[in-house]
Amino acid sequence: MRFAKLLATPLGRLARVAVGGILVALGLGSVHGGGGLALAIVGLVPLAAGAFNYCTISPFIGAPFWGKDALNARPQTG
């Protein structure tokens, strides 16, 4: 849950957008062929996740999907 909260902060969102942008740029500019296109497509996932404030891995770790819900969630006890 703490990881989901970290990703929902402005710094976490900025980091996801930056990493996604770097992956897209590398895929389109440096890596040639199908691998470059695949890398660019993979880079769109963190880019969109940061831009729209959702976390694609949160459901797998029991955290809310949307960033605003993660920030407002109360810690689970017990």
PDB file of N, CA and C in Angstrom:
ATOM      1  N   MET A   1       0.823  -1.188   0.000  1.00  0.00           N
ATOM      2  CA  MET A   1       0.000   0.000   0.000  1.00  0.00           C
ATOM      3  C   MET A   1       0.874   1.262   0.000  1.00  0.00           C
ATOM      4  N   ARG A   2       1.977   1.223   0.718  1.00  0.00           N
ATOM      5  CA  ARG A   2       2.851   2.397   0.753  1.00  0.00           C
ATOM      6  C   ARG A   2       3.424   2.672  -0.631  1.00  0.00           C
ATOM      7  N   PHE A   3       3.704   1.602  -1.384  1.00  0.00           N
ATOM      8  CA  PHE A   3       4.232   1.766  -2.734  1.00  0.00           C
ATOM      9  C   PHE A   3       3.201   2.461  -3.620  1.00  0.00           C
ATOM     10  N   ALA A   4       1.940   2.078  -3.511  1.00  0.00           N
ATOM     11  CA  ALA A   4       0.878   2.707  -4.302  1.00  0.00           C
ATOM     12  C   ALA A   4       0.732   4.178  -3.926  1.00  0.00           C
ATOM     13  N   LYS A   5       0.856   4.492  -2.638  1.00  0.00           N
ATOM     14  CA  LYS A   5       0.776   5.888  -2.203  1.00  0.00           C
ATOM     15  C   LYS A   5       1.941   6.694  -2.759  1.00  0.00           C
ATOM     16  N   LEU A   6       3.131   6.093  -2.773  1.00  0.00           N
ATOM     17  CA  LEU A   6       4.296   6.775  -3.325  1.00  0.00           C
ATOM     18  C   LEU A   6       4.088   7.080  -4.809  1.00  0.00           C
ATOM     19  N   LEU A   7       3.575   6.127  -5.550  1.00  0.00           N
ATOM     20  CA  LEU A   7       3.358   6.337  -6.979  1.00  0.00           C
ATOM     21  C   LEU A   7       2.272   7.378  -7.256  1.00  0.00           C
ATOM     22  N   ALA A   8       1.375   7.579  -6.312  1.00  0.00           N
ATOM     23  CA  ALA A   8       0.285   8.536  -6.498  1.00  0.00           C
ATOM     24  C   ALA A   8       0.701   9.968  -6.170  1.00  0.00           C
ATOM     25  N   THR A   9       1.850  10.150  -5.546  1.00  0.00           N
ATOM     26  CA  THR A   9       2.308  11.504  -5.235  1.00  0.00           C
ATOM     27  C   THR A   9       2.748  12.200  -6.520  1.00  0.00           C
ATOM     28  N   PRO A  10       2.825  13.516  -6.505  1.00  0.00           N
ATOM     29  CA  PRO A  10       3.293  14.220  -7.709  1.00  0.00           C
ATOM     30  C   PRO A  10       4.676  13.756  -8.178  1.00  0.00           C
ATOM     31  N   LEU A  11       5.579  13.465  -7.241  1.00  0.00           N
ATOM     32  CA  LEU A  11       6.908  12.988  -7.620  1.00  0.00           C
ATOM     33  C   LEU A  11       6.825  11.605  -8.276  1.00  0.00           C
ATOM     34  N   GLY A  12       6.004  10.736  -7.735  1.00  0.00           N
ATOM     35  CA  GLY A  12       5.826   9.404  -8.313  1.00  0.00           C
ATOM     36  C   GLY A  12       5.220   9.466  -9.702  1.00  0.00           C
ATOM     37  N   ARG A  13       4.259  10.347  -9.872  1.00  0.00           N
ATOM     38  CA  ARG A  13       3.631  10.511 -11.190  1.00  0.00           C
ATOM     39  C   ARG A  13       4.639  11.059 -12.193  1.00  0.00           C
ATOM     40  N   LEU A  14       5.424  12.036 -11.766  1.00  0.00           N
ATOM     41  CA  LEU A  14       6.441  12.611 -12.643  1.00  0.00           C
ATOM     42  C   LEU A  14       7.474  11.558 -13.046  1.00  0.00           C
ATOM     43  N   ALA A  15       7.859  10.728 -12.093  1.00  0.00           N
ATOM     44  CA  ALA A  15       8.827   9.669 -12.385  1.00  0.00           C
ATOM     45  C   ALA A  15       8.272   8.693 -13.409  1.00  0.00           C
ATOM     46  N   ARG A  16       7.002   8.316 -13.279  1.00  0.00           N
ATOM     47  CA  ARG A  16       6.407   7.383 -14.245  1.00  0.00           C
ATOM     48  C   ARG A  16       6.308   8.002 -15.629  1.00  0.00           C
ATOM     49  N   VAL A  17       5.942   9.266 -15.702  1.00  0.00           N
ATOM     50  CA  VAL A  17       5.871   9.945 -16.996  1.00  0.00           C
ATOM     51  C   VAL A  17       7.260  10.025 -17.622  1.00  0.00           C
ATOM     52  N   ALA A  18       8.270  10.355 -16.805  1.00  0.00           N
ATOM     53  CA  ALA A  18       9.636  10.470 -17.321  1.00  0.00           C
ATOM     54  C   ALA A  18      10.154   9.130 -17.823  1.00  0.00           C
ATOM     55  N   VAL A  19       9.969   8.080 -17.044  1.00  0.00           N
ATOM     56  CA  VAL A  19      10.436   6.749 -17.460  1.00  0.00           C
ATOM     57  C   VAL A  19       9.712   6.315 -18.722  1.00  0.00           C
ATOM     58  N   GLY A  20       8.411   6.522 -18.771  1.00  0.00           N
ATOM     59  CA  GLY A  20       7.657   6.169 -19.974  1.00  0.00           C
ATOM     60  C   GLY A  20       8.131   6.949 -21.189  1.00  0.00           C
ATOM     61  N   GLY A  21       8.379   8.234 -21.012  1.00  0.00           N
ATOM     62  CA  GLY A  21       8.866   9.055 -22.121  1.00  0.00           C
ATOM     63  C   GLY A  21      10.234   8.609 -22.613  1.00  0.00           C
ATOM     64  N   ILE A  22      11.098   8.233 -21.672  1.00  0.00           N
ATOM     65  CA  ILE A  22      12.428   7.743 -22.048  1.00  0.00           C
ATOM     66  C   ILE A  22      12.308   6.440 -22.833  1.00  0.00           C
ATOM     67  N   LEU A  23      11.456   5.537 -22.380  1.00  0.00           N
ATOM     68  CA  LEU A  23      11.277   4.272 -23.092  1.00  0.00           C
ATOM     69  C   LEU A  23      10.725   4.484 -24.494  1.00  0.00           C
ATOM     70  N   VAL A  24       9.754   5.382 -24.620  1.00  0.00           N
ATOM     71  CA  VAL A  24       9.199   5.680 -25.944  1.00  0.00           C
ATOM     72  C   VAL A  24      10.278   6.276 -26.846  1.00  0.00           C
ATOM     73  N   ALA A  25      11.041   7.232 -26.326  1.00  0.00           N
ATOM     74  CA  ALA A  25      12.093   7.873 -27.118  1.00  0.00           C
ATOM     75  C   ALA A  25      13.163   6.865 -27.537  1.00  0.00           C
ATOM     76  N   LEU A  26      13.568   5.995 -26.615  1.00  0.00           N
ATOM     77  CA  LEU A  26      14.554   4.972 -26.964  1.00  0.00           C
ATOM     78  C   LEU A  26      14.004   4.015 -28.012  1.00  0.00           C
ATOM     79  N   GLY A  27      12.766   3.635 -27.832  1.00  0.00           N
ATOM     80  CA  GLY A  27      12.158   2.700 -28.773  1.00  0.00           C
ATOM     81  C   GLY A  27      12.032   3.262 -30.174  1.00  0.00           C
ATOM     82  N   LEU A  28      11.688   4.534 -30.263  1.00  0.00           N
ATOM     83  CA  LEU A  28      11.501   5.142 -31.585  1.00  0.00           C
ATOM     84  C   LEU A  28      12.792   5.668 -32.178  1.00  0.00           C
ATOM     85  N   GLY A  29      13.765   6.010 -31.327  1.00  0.00           N
ATOM     86  CA  GLY A  29      14.964   6.653 -31.833  1.00  0.00           C
ATOM     87  C   GLY A  29      16.206   5.790 -31.891  1.00  0.00           C
ATOM     88  N   SER A  30      16.398   4.926 -30.915  1.00  0.00           N
ATOM     89  CA  SER A  30      17.664   4.205 -30.829  1.00  0.00           C
ATOM     90  C   SER A  30      17.570   2.734 -31.230  1.00  0.00           C
ATOM     91  N   VAL A  31      16.507   2.088 -30.829  1.00  0.00           N
ATOM     92  CA  VAL A  31      16.359   0.659 -31.106  1.00  0.00           C
ATOM     93  C   VAL A  31      15.617   0.513 -32.435  1.00  0.00           C
ATOM     94  N   HIS A  32      16.177  -0.264 -33.331  1.00  0.00           N
ATOM     95  CA  HIS A  32      15.596  -0.400 -34.658  1.00  0.00           C
ATOM     96  C   HIS A  32      14.765  -1.677 -34.771  1.00  0.00           C
ATOM     97  N   GLY A  33      13.813  -1.645 -35.676  1.00  0.00           N
ATOM     98  CA  GLY A  33      13.006  -2.825 -35.957  1.00  0.00           C
ATOM     99  C   GLY A  33      11.854  -2.997 -34.993  1.00  0.00           C
ATOM    100  N   GLY A  34      11.402  -4.228 -34.905  1.00  0.00           N
ATOM    101  CA  GLY A  34      10.250  -4.557 -34.073  1.00  0.00           C
ATOM    102  C   GLY A  34      10.504  -4.364 -32.596  1.00  0.00           C
ATOM    103  N   GLY A  35      11.752  -4.568 -32.177  1.00  0.00           N
ATOM    104  CA  GLY A  35      12.084  -4.371 -30.766  1.00  0.00           C
ATOM    105  C   GLY A  35      11.908  -2.927 -30.332  1.00  0.00           C
ATOM    106  N   GLY A  36      12.251  -2.002 -31.210  1.00  0.00           N
ATOM    107  CA  GLY A  36      12.078  -0.588 -30.899  1.00  0.00           C
ATOM    108  C   GLY A  36      10.619  -0.205 -30.789  1.00  0.00           C
ATOM    109  N   LEU A  37       9.821  -0.748 -31.691  1.00  0.00           N
ATOM    110  CA  LEU A  37       8.379  -0.475 -31.640  1.00  0.00           C
ATOM    111  C   LEU A  37       7.771  -1.071 -30.375  1.00  0.00           C
ATOM    112  N   ALA A  38       8.191  -2.281 -30.031  1.00  0.00           N
ATOM    113  CA  ALA A  38       7.693  -2.907 -28.809  1.00  0.00           C
ATOM    114  C   ALA A  38       8.092  -2.102 -27.576  1.00  0.00           C
ATOM    115  N   LEU A  39       9.325  -1.615 -27.534  1.00  0.00           N
ATOM    116  CA  LEU A  39       9.783  -0.806 -26.411  1.00  0.00           C
ATOM    117  C   LEU A  39       8.979   0.488 -26.303  1.00  0.00           C
ATOM    118  N   ALA A  40       8.684   1.105 -27.428  1.00  0.00           N
ATOM    119  CA  ALA A  40       7.884   2.332 -27.428  1.00  0.00           C
ATOM    120  C   ALA A  40       6.476   2.065 -26.914  1.00  0.00           C
ATOM    121  N   ILE A  41       5.893   0.953 -27.320  1.00  0.00           N
ATOM    122  CA  ILE A  41       4.541   0.608 -26.868  1.00  0.00           C
ATOM    123  C   ILE A  41       4.549   0.315 -25.369  1.00  0.00           C
ATOM    124  N   VAL A  42       5.551  -0.404 -24.888  1.00  0.00           N
ATOM    125  CA  VAL A  42       5.672  -0.676 -23.452  1.00  0.00           C
ATOM    126  C   VAL A  42       5.841   0.633 -22.687  1.00  0.00           C
ATOM    127  N   GLY A  43       6.567   1.580 -23.245  1.00  0.00           N
ATOM    128  CA  GLY A  43       6.777   2.870 -22.598  1.00  0.00           C
ATOM    129  C   GLY A  43       5.509   3.690 -22.452  1.00  0.00           C
ATOM    130  N   LEU A  44       4.523   3.415 -23.302  1.00  0.00           N
ATOM    131  CA  LEU A  44       3.254   4.136 -23.195  1.00  0.00           C
ATOM    132  C   LEU A  44       2.502   3.801 -21.913  1.00  0.00           C
ATOM    133  N   VAL A  45       2.738   2.610 -21.354  1.00  0.00           N
ATOM    134  CA  VAL A  45       2.018   2.197 -20.141  1.00  0.00           C
ATOM    135  C   VAL A  45       2.376   3.088 -18.951  1.00  0.00           C
ATOM    136  N   PRO A  46       3.649   3.226 -18.561  1.00  0.00           N
ATOM    137  CA  PRO A  46       3.932   4.122 -17.430  1.00  0.00           C
ATOM    138  C   PRO A  46       3.662   5.592 -17.762  1.00  0.00           C
ATOM    139  N   LEU A  47       3.818   5.972 -19.013  1.00  0.00           N
ATOM    140  CA  LEU A  47       3.542   7.345 -19.410  1.00  0.00           C
ATOM    141  C   LEU A  47       2.065   7.673 -19.178  1.00  0.00           C
ATOM    142  N   ALA A  48       1.178   6.805 -19.648  1.00  0.00           N
ATOM    143  CA  ALA A  48      -0.257   7.027 -19.452  1.00  0.00           C
ATOM    144  C   ALA A  48      -0.648   6.889 -17.985  1.00  0.00           C
ATOM    145  N   ALA A  49      -0.039   5.931 -17.285  1.00  0.00           N
ATOM    146  CA  ALA A  49      -0.366   5.729 -15.876  1.00  0.00           C
ATOM    147  C   ALA A  49      -0.031   6.967 -15.046  1.00  0.00           C
ATOM    148  N   GLY A  50       1.111   7.569 -15.316  1.00  0.00           N
ATOM    149  CA  GLY A  50       1.472   8.784 -14.591  1.00  0.00           C
ATOM    150  C   GLY A  50       0.606   9.962 -14.987  1.00  0.00           C
ATOM    151  N   ALA A  51       0.305  10.073 -16.268  1.00  0.00           N
ATOM    152  CA  ALA A  51      -0.498  11.199 -16.747  1.00  0.00           C
ATOM    153  C   ALA A  51      -1.932  11.150 -16.224  1.00  0.00           C
ATOM    154  N   PHE A  52      -2.497   9.946 -16.159  1.00  0.00           N
ATOM    155  CA  PHE A  52      -3.895   9.810 -15.741  1.00  0.00           C
ATOM    156  C   PHE A  52      -4.046   9.354 -14.296  1.00  0.00           C
ATOM    157  N   ASN A  53      -2.923   9.224 -13.567  1.00  0.00           N
ATOM    158  CA  ASN A  53      -2.895   8.912 -12.143  1.00  0.00           C
ATOM    159  C   ASN A  53      -3.590   7.595 -11.800  1.00  0.00           C
ATOM    160  N   TYR A  54      -3.144   6.540 -12.453  1.00  0.00           N
ATOM    161  CA  TYR A  54      -3.567   5.209 -12.054  1.00  0.00           C
ATOM    162  C   TYR A  54      -2.330   4.327 -11.962  1.00  0.00           C
ATOM    163  N   CYS A  55      -2.468   3.219 -11.284  1.00  0.00           N
ATOM    164  CA  CYS A  55      -1.334   2.312 -11.092  1.00  0.00           C
ATOM    165  C   CYS A  55      -1.739   0.927 -11.574  1.00  0.00           C
ATOM    166  N   THR A  56      -1.048   0.460 -12.585  1.00  0.00           N
ATOM    167  CA  THR A  56      -1.428  -0.815 -13.197  1.00  0.00           C
ATOM    168  C   THR A  56      -1.126  -2.018 -12.305  1.00  0.00           C
ATOM    169  N   ILE A  57      -0.193  -1.903 -11.374  1.00  0.00           N
ATOM    170  CA  ILE A  57       0.131  -3.045 -10.526  1.00  0.00           C
ATOM    171  C   ILE A  57      -0.602  -3.029  -9.181  1.00  0.00           C
ATOM    172  N   SER A  58      -1.281  -1.952  -8.864  1.00  0.00           N
ATOM    173  CA  SER A  58      -1.952  -1.846  -7.567  1.00  0.00           C
ATOM    174  C   SER A  58      -2.936  -2.975  -7.279  1.00  0.00           C
ATOM    175  N   PRO A  59      -3.766  -3.383  -8.235  1.00  0.00           N
ATOM    176  CA  PRO A  59      -4.684  -4.481  -7.914  1.00  0.00           C
ATOM    177  C   PRO A  59      -3.967  -5.775  -7.511  1.00  0.00           C
ATOM    178  N   PHE A  60      -2.750  -5.962  -7.996  1.00  0.00           N
ATOM    179  CA  PHE A  60      -2.001  -7.175  -7.656  1.00  0.00           C
ATOM    180  C   PHE A  60      -1.415  -7.119  -6.257  1.00  0.00           C
ATOM    181  N   ILE A  61      -1.259  -5.915  -5.705  1.00  0.00           N
ATOM    182  CA  ILE A  61      -0.708  -5.785  -4.355  1.00  0.00           C
ATOM    183  C   ILE A  61      -1.778  -5.362  -3.344  1.00  0.00           C
ATOM    184  N   GLY A  62      -3.046  -5.400  -3.771  1.00  0.00           N
ATOM    185  CA  GLY A  62      -4.152  -5.097  -2.874  1.00  0.00           C
ATOM    186  C   GLY A  62      -4.359  -3.619  -2.597  1.00  0.00           C
ATOM    187  N   ALA A  63      -3.930  -2.768  -3.506  1.00  0.00           N
ATOM    188  CA  ALA A  63      -4.079  -1.319  -3.338  1.00  0.00           C
ATOM    189  C   ALA A  63      -5.095  -0.796  -4.365  1.00  0.00           C
ATOM    190  N   PRO A  64      -5.619   0.390  -4.149  1.00  0.00           N
ATOM    191  CA  PRO A  64      -6.569   0.967  -5.107  1.00  0.00           C
ATOM    192  C   PRO A  64      -5.915   1.252  -6.460  1.00  0.00           C
ATOM    193  N   PHE A  65      -6.706   1.132  -7.514  1.00  0.00           N
ATOM    194  CA  PHE A  65      -6.243   1.352  -8.882  1.00  0.00           C
ATOM    195  C   PHE A  65      -5.960   2.824  -9.147  1.00  0.00           C
ATOM    196  N   TRP A  66      -6.819   3.710  -8.676  1.00  0.00           N
ATOM    197  CA  TRP A  66      -6.683   5.142  -8.932  1.00  0.00           C
ATOM    198  C   TRP A  66      -5.829   5.800  -7.863  1.00  0.00           C
ATOM    199  N   GLY A  67      -4.972   6.714  -8.271  1.00  0.00           N
ATOM    200  CA  GLY A  67      -4.060   7.390  -7.369  1.00  0.00           C
ATOM    201  C   GLY A  67      -4.750   8.160  -6.264  1.00  0.00           C
ATOM    202  N   LYS A  68      -5.829   8.851  -6.591  1.00  0.00           N
ATOM    203  CA  LYS A  68      -6.535   9.628  -5.562  1.00  0.00           C
ATOM    204  C   LYS A  68      -7.095   8.708  -4.480  1.00  0.00           C
ATOM    205  N   ASP A  69      -7.514   7.505  -4.867  1.00  0.00           N
ATOM    206  CA  ASP A  69      -8.010   6.543  -3.883  1.00  0.00           C
ATOM    207  C   ASP A  69      -6.871   6.002  -3.023  1.00  0.00           C
ATOM    208  N   ALA A  70      -5.704   5.828  -3.627  1.00  0.00           N
ATOM    209  CA  ALA A  70      -4.541   5.335  -2.876  1.00  0.00           C
ATOM    210  C   ALA A  70      -4.102   6.362  -1.834  1.00  0.00           C
ATOM    211  N   LEU A  71      -4.119   7.627  -2.197  1.00  0.00           N
ATOM    212  CA  LEU A  71      -3.714   8.673  -1.256  1.00  0.00           C
ATOM    213  C   LEU A  71      -4.686   8.809  -0.102  1.00  0.00           C
ATOM    214  N   ASN A  72      -5.967   8.538  -0.342  1.00  0.00           N
ATOM    215  CA  ASN A  72      -6.994   8.694   0.683  1.00  0.00           C
ATOM    216  C   ASN A  72      -7.258   7.426   1.460  1.00  0.00           C
ATOM    217  N   ALA A  73      -6.650   6.309   1.077  1.00  0.00           N
ATOM    218  CA  ALA A  73      -6.908   5.035   1.734  1.00  0.00           C
ATOM    219  C   ALA A  73      -6.307   5.020   3.143  1.00  0.00           C
ATOM    220  N   ARG A  74      -7.024   4.397   4.029  1.00  0.00           N
ATOM    221  CA  ARG A  74      -6.533   4.253   5.401  1.00  0.00           C
ATOM    222  C   ARG A  74      -5.736   2.949   5.491  1.00  0.00           C
ATOM    223  N   PRO A  75      -4.698   2.945   6.331  1.00  0.00           N
ATOM    224  CA  PRO A  75      -3.925   1.709   6.492  1.00  0.00           C
ATOM    225  C   PRO A  75      -4.790   0.588   7.056  1.00  0.00           C
ATOM    226  N   GLN A  76      -4.560  -0.622   6.582  1.00  0.00           N
ATOM    227  CA  GLN A  76      -5.303  -1.775   7.073  1.00  0.00           C
ATOM    228  C   GLN A  76      -4.669  -2.261   8.365  1.00  0.00           C
ATOM    229  N   THR A  77      -5.496  -2.641   9.301  1.00  0.00           N
ATOM    230  CA  THR A  77      -4.990  -3.158  10.570  1.00  0.00           C
ATOM    231  C   THR A  77      -5.300  -4.633  10.658  1.00  0.00           C
ATOM    232  N   GLY A  78      -4.466  -5.326  11.407  1.00  0.00           N
ATOM    233  CA  GLY A  78      -4.711  -6.735  11.674  1.00  0.00           C
ATOM    234  C   GLY A  78      -4.246  -7.573  10.619  1.00  0.00           C
TER     235      GLY A  78
END
